[in-house]
């Protein structure tokens, strides 16, 4: 029943967005080359290691920042992460004084935050926090975002220097709906992801990972993503079944990797900071 209500809600939301999109000029969308906010709060390099904990978390504009910080600081399965990939990160417009910076400072991690656009007078986008030096970063604007009124979706791609190895990561947030989402196959979901995977594949790194809120409320949308990702050598490394979005019990959040060995993964449903819950994977070289 919950899922039926959600899908009906998507239909109504799509109708309203299609009306408003006709008059929208989308002046709230940032270009791919700016802005980026970054800082380094890791005071020393981690000791050489070959096993890493990756956490992905849609933080819901940090509306419950204190709970998010508590989640990432105290819950055994996700604390002391080597990398945290965030979606729906937010901060004050036009400046580095943002909640990602506050979170990274508290966790003593380096970070880069790439707003895709402004939303409700906030910078809004994706971020990656890491214990390792960030060598470079890139924002990839994802196609088909025009189906949601001025809601640009992006992938934030970063390259890390990990014990002399280049590791390329992407934090991805896909659209809620496409023209084929409600009554069709939802294949457009994998098509929207393609530029993110293409950018990673061109990096030349042997170790690639993307994760985030892929909004896979339909199983067929997830299946198309798996098929397309596998064509590029990626596999799903978050195999824990069940929901990651608490309101309607959908499994929306995922982690895919290439070149790593999968050791363990999970979904932390005790987290209280957002309507999504964190997902995590432990991988090794």
Protein backbone atom coordinates (compact mmCIF):
# COMPACT_ATOMS: atom_id res chain seq x y z
CA UNK A 1 0.00 0.00 0.00
CA UNK A 2 2.84 2.41 0.88
CA UNK A 3 4.53 1.80 -2.47
CA UNK A 4 1.25 2.36 -4.34
CA UNK A 5 0.77 5.69 -2.59
CA UNK A 6 4.35 6.66 -3.41
CA UNK A 7 3.96 5.88 -7.11
CA UNK A 8 0.69 7.82 -7.29
CA UNK A 9 2.52 10.69 -5.62
CA UNK A 10 5.23 10.53 -8.28
CA UNK A 11 2.62 10.78 -11.01
CA UNK A 12 1.14 13.91 -9.43
CA UNK A 13 4.58 15.38 -8.80
CA UNK A 14 5.52 14.77 -12.42
CA UNK A 15 2.37 16.50 -13.65
CA UNK A 16 3.02 19.56 -11.51
CA UNK A 17 6.68 19.69 -12.54
CA UNK A 18 5.82 19.47 -16.22
CA UNK A 19 3.56 22.50 -15.84
CA UNK A 20 6.11 24.60 -13.97
CA UNK A 21 9.03 23.55 -16.20
CA UNK A 22 7.46 25.34 -19.17
CA UNK A 23 8.07 28.74 -17.64
CA UNK A 24 11.27 27.98 -15.73
CA UNK A 25 14.59 29.39 -16.93
CA UNK A 26 16.66 27.33 -14.47
CA UNK A 27 18.96 30.17 -13.42
CA UNK A 28 19.65 28.20 -10.22
CA UNK A 29 21.92 25.61 -11.94
CA UNK A 30 25.70 25.91 -11.57
CA UNK A 31 28.11 25.19 -14.47
CA UNK A 32 30.30 22.08 -14.36
CA UNK A 33 33.49 24.01 -13.58
CA UNK A 34 32.23 25.78 -10.43
CA UNK A 35 31.72 26.17 -7.58
CA UNK A 36 33.78 23.75 -5.51
CA UNK A 37 34.46 24.04 -1.80
CA UNK A 38 37.29 22.08 -0.23
CA UNK A 39 39.48 21.84 2.85
CA UNK A 40 41.93 19.42 4.44
CA UNK A 41 41.36 18.52 8.08
CA UNK A 42 43.21 15.19 8.17
CA UNK A 43 46.32 16.17 10.12
CA UNK A 44 48.43 13.16 9.12
CA UNK A 45 48.42 10.51 6.44
CA UNK A 46 46.83 7.20 7.46
CA UNK A 47 49.15 4.26 7.88
CA UNK A 48 49.51 2.12 4.75
CA UNK A 49 46.61 -0.31 4.47
CA UNK A 50 44.78 -2.38 1.88
CA UNK A 51 41.27 -2.58 3.42
CA UNK A 52 38.87 0.36 3.35
CA UNK A 53 35.42 1.28 4.64
CA UNK A 54 33.19 3.23 2.24
CA UNK A 55 29.97 4.85 3.49
CA UNK A 56 27.28 6.43 1.32
CA UNK A 57 24.65 8.66 2.92
CA UNK A 58 21.89 10.91 1.55
CA UNK A 59 21.89 13.54 4.30
CA UNK A 60 18.67 15.36 3.38
CA UNK A 61 20.12 18.91 3.24
CA UNK A 62 21.60 18.38 6.73
CA UNK A 63 18.25 19.22 8.29
CA UNK A 64 19.31 17.03 11.23
CA UNK A 65 23.01 17.85 11.24
CA UNK A 66 23.67 16.90 14.86
CA UNK A 67 22.11 13.48 14.35
CA UNK A 68 24.08 12.94 11.14
CA UNK A 69 27.32 13.79 12.92
CA UNK A 70 26.34 11.47 15.75
CA UNK A 71 25.55 8.67 13.28
CA UNK A 72 28.93 8.96 11.58
CA UNK A 73 30.82 9.37 14.86
CA UNK A 74 29.30 6.72 17.11
CA UNK A 75 27.67 3.87 15.15
CA UNK A 76 30.20 1.06 14.92
CA UNK A 77 29.41 -0.01 11.35
CA UNK A 78 29.95 3.43 9.83
CA UNK A 79 32.26 5.33 12.18
CA UNK A 80 35.95 5.71 11.28
CA UNK A 81 35.11 5.42 7.58
CA UNK A 82 37.93 5.93 5.11
CA UNK A 83 35.57 7.59 2.62
CA UNK A 84 32.09 9.09 3.06
CA UNK A 85 30.09 9.89 -0.08
CA UNK A 86 27.20 12.30 0.48
CA UNK A 87 24.14 13.29 -1.51
CA UNK A 88 21.79 16.21 -0.80
CA UNK A 89 24.61 18.06 0.92
CA UNK A 90 23.86 21.73 1.53
CA UNK A 91 25.47 24.94 2.66
CA UNK A 92 25.22 28.71 2.56
CA UNK A 93 25.22 30.11 -0.97
CA UNK A 94 28.48 31.36 -2.38
CA UNK A 95 30.90 30.49 0.39
CA UNK A 96 32.89 27.68 1.99
CA UNK A 97 31.14 28.12 5.35
CA UNK A 98 28.91 25.09 4.88
CA UNK A 99 27.73 22.02 6.74
CA UNK A 100 30.05 19.73 4.76
CA UNK A 101 32.97 21.77 6.07
CA UNK A 102 31.63 21.54 9.61
CA UNK A 103 31.19 17.77 9.29
CA UNK A 104 34.65 17.23 7.80
CA UNK A 105 36.25 19.37 10.50
CA UNK A 106 34.52 17.38 13.24
CA UNK A 107 35.52 14.04 11.67
CA UNK A 108 39.04 15.26 10.82
CA UNK A 109 38.70 14.40 7.14
CA UNK A 110 39.50 16.12 3.86
CA UNK A 111 36.58 17.03 1.65
CA UNK A 112 35.29 18.52 -1.57
CA UNK A 113 31.71 19.75 -1.97
CA UNK A 114 30.28 20.36 -5.44
CA UNK A 115 26.90 22.12 -5.50
CA UNK A 116 24.81 21.27 -8.54
CA UNK A 117 22.46 24.20 -8.02
CA UNK A 118 20.83 26.42 -5.46
CA UNK A 119 17.73 25.10 -3.73
CA UNK A 120 15.71 27.05 -1.16
CA UNK A 121 18.53 29.62 -1.03
CA UNK A 122 21.12 26.95 -0.24
CA UNK A 123 23.94 25.44 -2.25
CA UNK A 124 22.83 21.87 -2.92
CA UNK A 125 24.79 18.94 -4.33
CA UNK A 126 27.18 16.10 -3.61
CA UNK A 127 30.27 15.83 -1.43
CA UNK A 128 33.04 13.37 -0.64
CA UNK A 129 34.96 13.20 2.63
CA UNK A 130 38.15 11.15 2.88
CA UNK A 131 41.14 10.43 5.08
CA UNK A 132 43.35 10.41 1.98
CA UNK A 133 44.75 13.29 -0.09
CA UNK A 134 42.42 14.47 -2.86
CA UNK A 135 44.50 14.80 -6.01
CA UNK A 136 41.78 16.16 -8.32
CA UNK A 137 38.02 16.45 -8.71
CA UNK A 138 35.41 16.93 -11.40
CA UNK A 139 31.69 17.63 -11.58
CA UNK A 140 29.73 15.71 -14.22
CA UNK A 141 26.32 17.14 -15.15
CA UNK A 142 23.91 14.27 -15.75
CA UNK A 143 21.40 14.27 -18.63
CA UNK A 144 17.60 14.03 -18.42
CA UNK A 145 17.52 16.30 -15.38
CA UNK A 146 15.00 18.50 -17.20
CA UNK A 147 12.21 16.03 -16.30
CA UNK A 148 12.27 17.55 -12.81
CA UNK A 149 11.84 21.28 -12.71
CA UNK A 150 15.31 22.87 -12.53
CA UNK A 151 16.64 20.00 -10.41
CA UNK A 152 20.06 19.32 -11.94
CA UNK A 153 21.59 15.95 -11.03
CA UNK A 154 25.36 15.46 -10.92
CA UNK A 155 28.16 13.06 -10.20
CA UNK A 156 31.07 14.37 -8.14
CA UNK A 157 34.21 12.46 -9.16
CA UNK A 158 37.41 12.64 -7.12
CA UNK A 159 40.81 11.03 -7.50
CA UNK A 160 42.57 9.98 -4.30
CA UNK A 161 46.21 9.16 -3.70
CA UNK A 162 46.07 6.01 -1.54
CA UNK A 163 49.47 4.54 -0.76
CA UNK A 164 50.64 5.60 -4.21
CA UNK A 165 47.60 4.08 -5.92
CA UNK A 166 45.07 6.22 -7.80
CA UNK A 167 41.53 5.54 -6.56
CA UNK A 168 38.65 7.22 -8.40
CA UNK A 169 35.31 7.69 -6.63
CA UNK A 170 31.99 9.23 -7.60
CA UNK A 171 29.10 10.37 -5.42
CA UNK A 172 25.97 10.15 -7.58
CA UNK A 173 22.40 11.36 -7.15
CA UNK A 174 19.97 10.33 -9.89
CA UNK A 175 16.59 11.85 -10.66
CA UNK A 176 13.44 10.66 -8.96
CA UNK A 177 11.51 10.21 -12.20
CA UNK A 178 11.98 9.98 -15.94
CA UNK A 179 9.50 9.88 -18.80
CA UNK A 180 9.58 6.06 -18.63
CA UNK A 181 9.61 5.70 -14.84
CA UNK A 182 5.94 5.36 -13.99
CA UNK A 183 4.46 3.31 -16.80
CA UNK A 184 7.64 2.24 -18.62
CA UNK A 185 10.85 0.32 -18.00
CA UNK A 186 12.78 3.07 -16.14
CA UNK A 187 15.69 2.42 -18.49
CA UNK A 188 16.44 6.14 -18.59
CA UNK A 189 17.86 5.77 -15.07
CA UNK A 190 20.85 3.84 -16.40
CA UNK A 191 21.18 6.27 -19.32
CA UNK A 192 21.44 9.16 -16.87
CA UNK A 193 24.24 7.35 -15.04
CA UNK A 194 26.26 6.66 -18.22
CA UNK A 195 28.30 9.91 -18.28
CA UNK A 196 29.42 9.33 -14.68
CA UNK A 197 30.66 5.83 -15.48
CA UNK A 198 32.25 7.01 -18.74
CA UNK A 199 34.20 9.72 -16.90
CA UNK A 200 35.46 7.21 -14.35
CA UNK A 201 36.40 4.67 -17.02
CA UNK A 202 38.52 7.30 -18.82
CA UNK A 203 40.53 8.01 -15.65
CA UNK A 204 42.92 5.11 -16.21
CA UNK A 205 42.66 3.98 -12.59
CA UNK A 206 42.37 0.29 -11.72
CA UNK A 207 40.26 1.09 -8.65
CA UNK A 208 36.87 2.69 -9.25
CA UNK A 209 33.78 3.12 -7.06
CA UNK A 210 30.51 4.98 -7.39
CA UNK A 211 27.71 5.15 -4.87
CA UNK A 212 24.73 7.20 -3.92
CA UNK A 213 21.01 7.69 -4.05
CA UNK A 214 20.09 6.13 -7.39
CA UNK A 215 16.34 6.41 -6.67
CA UNK A 216 15.70 2.83 -7.83
CA UNK A 217 12.10 2.63 -6.66
CA UNK A 218 11.43 0.20 -9.55
CA UNK A 219 13.31 -3.06 -9.78
CA UNK A 220 13.70 -2.71 -13.53
CA UNK A 221 15.57 0.57 -13.09
CA UNK A 222 18.06 -1.16 -10.79
CA UNK A 223 18.40 -4.09 -13.22
CA UNK A 224 19.30 -1.75 -16.09
CA UNK A 225 21.91 -0.06 -13.90
CA UNK A 226 23.45 -3.44 -12.99
CA UNK A 227 23.58 -4.46 -16.67
CA UNK A 228 25.13 -1.20 -17.81
CA UNK A 229 27.61 -1.07 -14.91
CA UNK A 230 28.70 -4.67 -15.50
CA UNK A 231 29.47 -3.84 -19.13
CA UNK A 232 32.10 -1.46 -17.74
CA UNK A 233 33.46 -3.94 -15.20
CA UNK A 234 31.55 -2.73 -12.13
CA UNK A 235 29.70 -4.98 -9.70
CA UNK A 236 27.29 -4.25 -6.86
CA UNK A 237 29.26 -4.38 -3.61
CA UNK A 238 26.33 -3.54 -1.34
CA UNK A 239 24.46 -6.84 -1.29
CA UNK A 240 22.45 -6.38 1.91
CA UNK A 241 18.76 -6.73 0.98
CA UNK A 242 15.94 -4.48 2.15
CA UNK A 243 15.09 -0.81 2.34
CA UNK A 244 17.35 2.24 2.56
CA UNK A 245 14.57 4.86 2.40
CA UNK A 246 12.55 4.63 5.56
CA UNK A 247 9.36 6.41 4.55
CA UNK A 248 8.28 3.99 1.81
CA UNK A 249 10.68 1.08 2.41
CA UNK A 250 12.43 1.33 -0.97
CA UNK A 251 16.00 0.23 -1.66
CA UNK A 252 17.33 3.41 -3.28
CA UNK A 253 20.98 3.61 -2.22
CA UNK A 254 23.76 1.49 -3.72
CA UNK A 255 27.52 1.01 -4.00
CA UNK A 256 29.27 -0.32 -7.13
CA UNK A 257 33.01 -0.94 -7.52
CA UNK A 258 35.62 -2.17 -9.97
CA UNK A 259 39.05 -3.55 -9.11
CA UNK A 260 38.34 -4.01 -5.41
CA UNK A 261 37.71 -7.24 -3.53
CA UNK A 262 34.42 -7.26 -1.65
CA UNK A 263 34.70 -8.27 2.00
CA UNK A 264 31.59 -7.08 3.85
CA UNK A 265 28.67 -4.67 3.57
CA UNK A 266 25.56 -3.52 5.38
CA UNK A 267 22.73 -1.04 5.83
CA UNK A 268 22.69 0.97 9.05
CA UNK A 269 19.00 1.30 9.89
CA UNK A 270 19.67 2.58 13.41
CA UNK A 271 20.91 5.89 11.93
CA UNK A 272 18.59 8.81 12.71
CA UNK A 273 19.92 11.72 10.65
CA UNK A 274 17.90 11.48 7.44
CA UNK A 275 14.98 9.85 5.64
CA UNK A 276 17.63 7.69 3.95
CA UNK A 277 19.89 5.42 5.98
CA UNK A 278 23.64 4.96 5.34
CA UNK A 279 24.91 2.02 3.34
CA UNK A 280 28.48 0.77 3.65
CA UNK A 281 30.96 -1.63 2.13
CA UNK A 282 34.38 -2.85 3.25
CA UNK A 283 36.64 -3.48 0.27
CA UNK A 284 40.30 -4.28 -0.28
CA UNK A 285 42.90 -3.91 -3.02
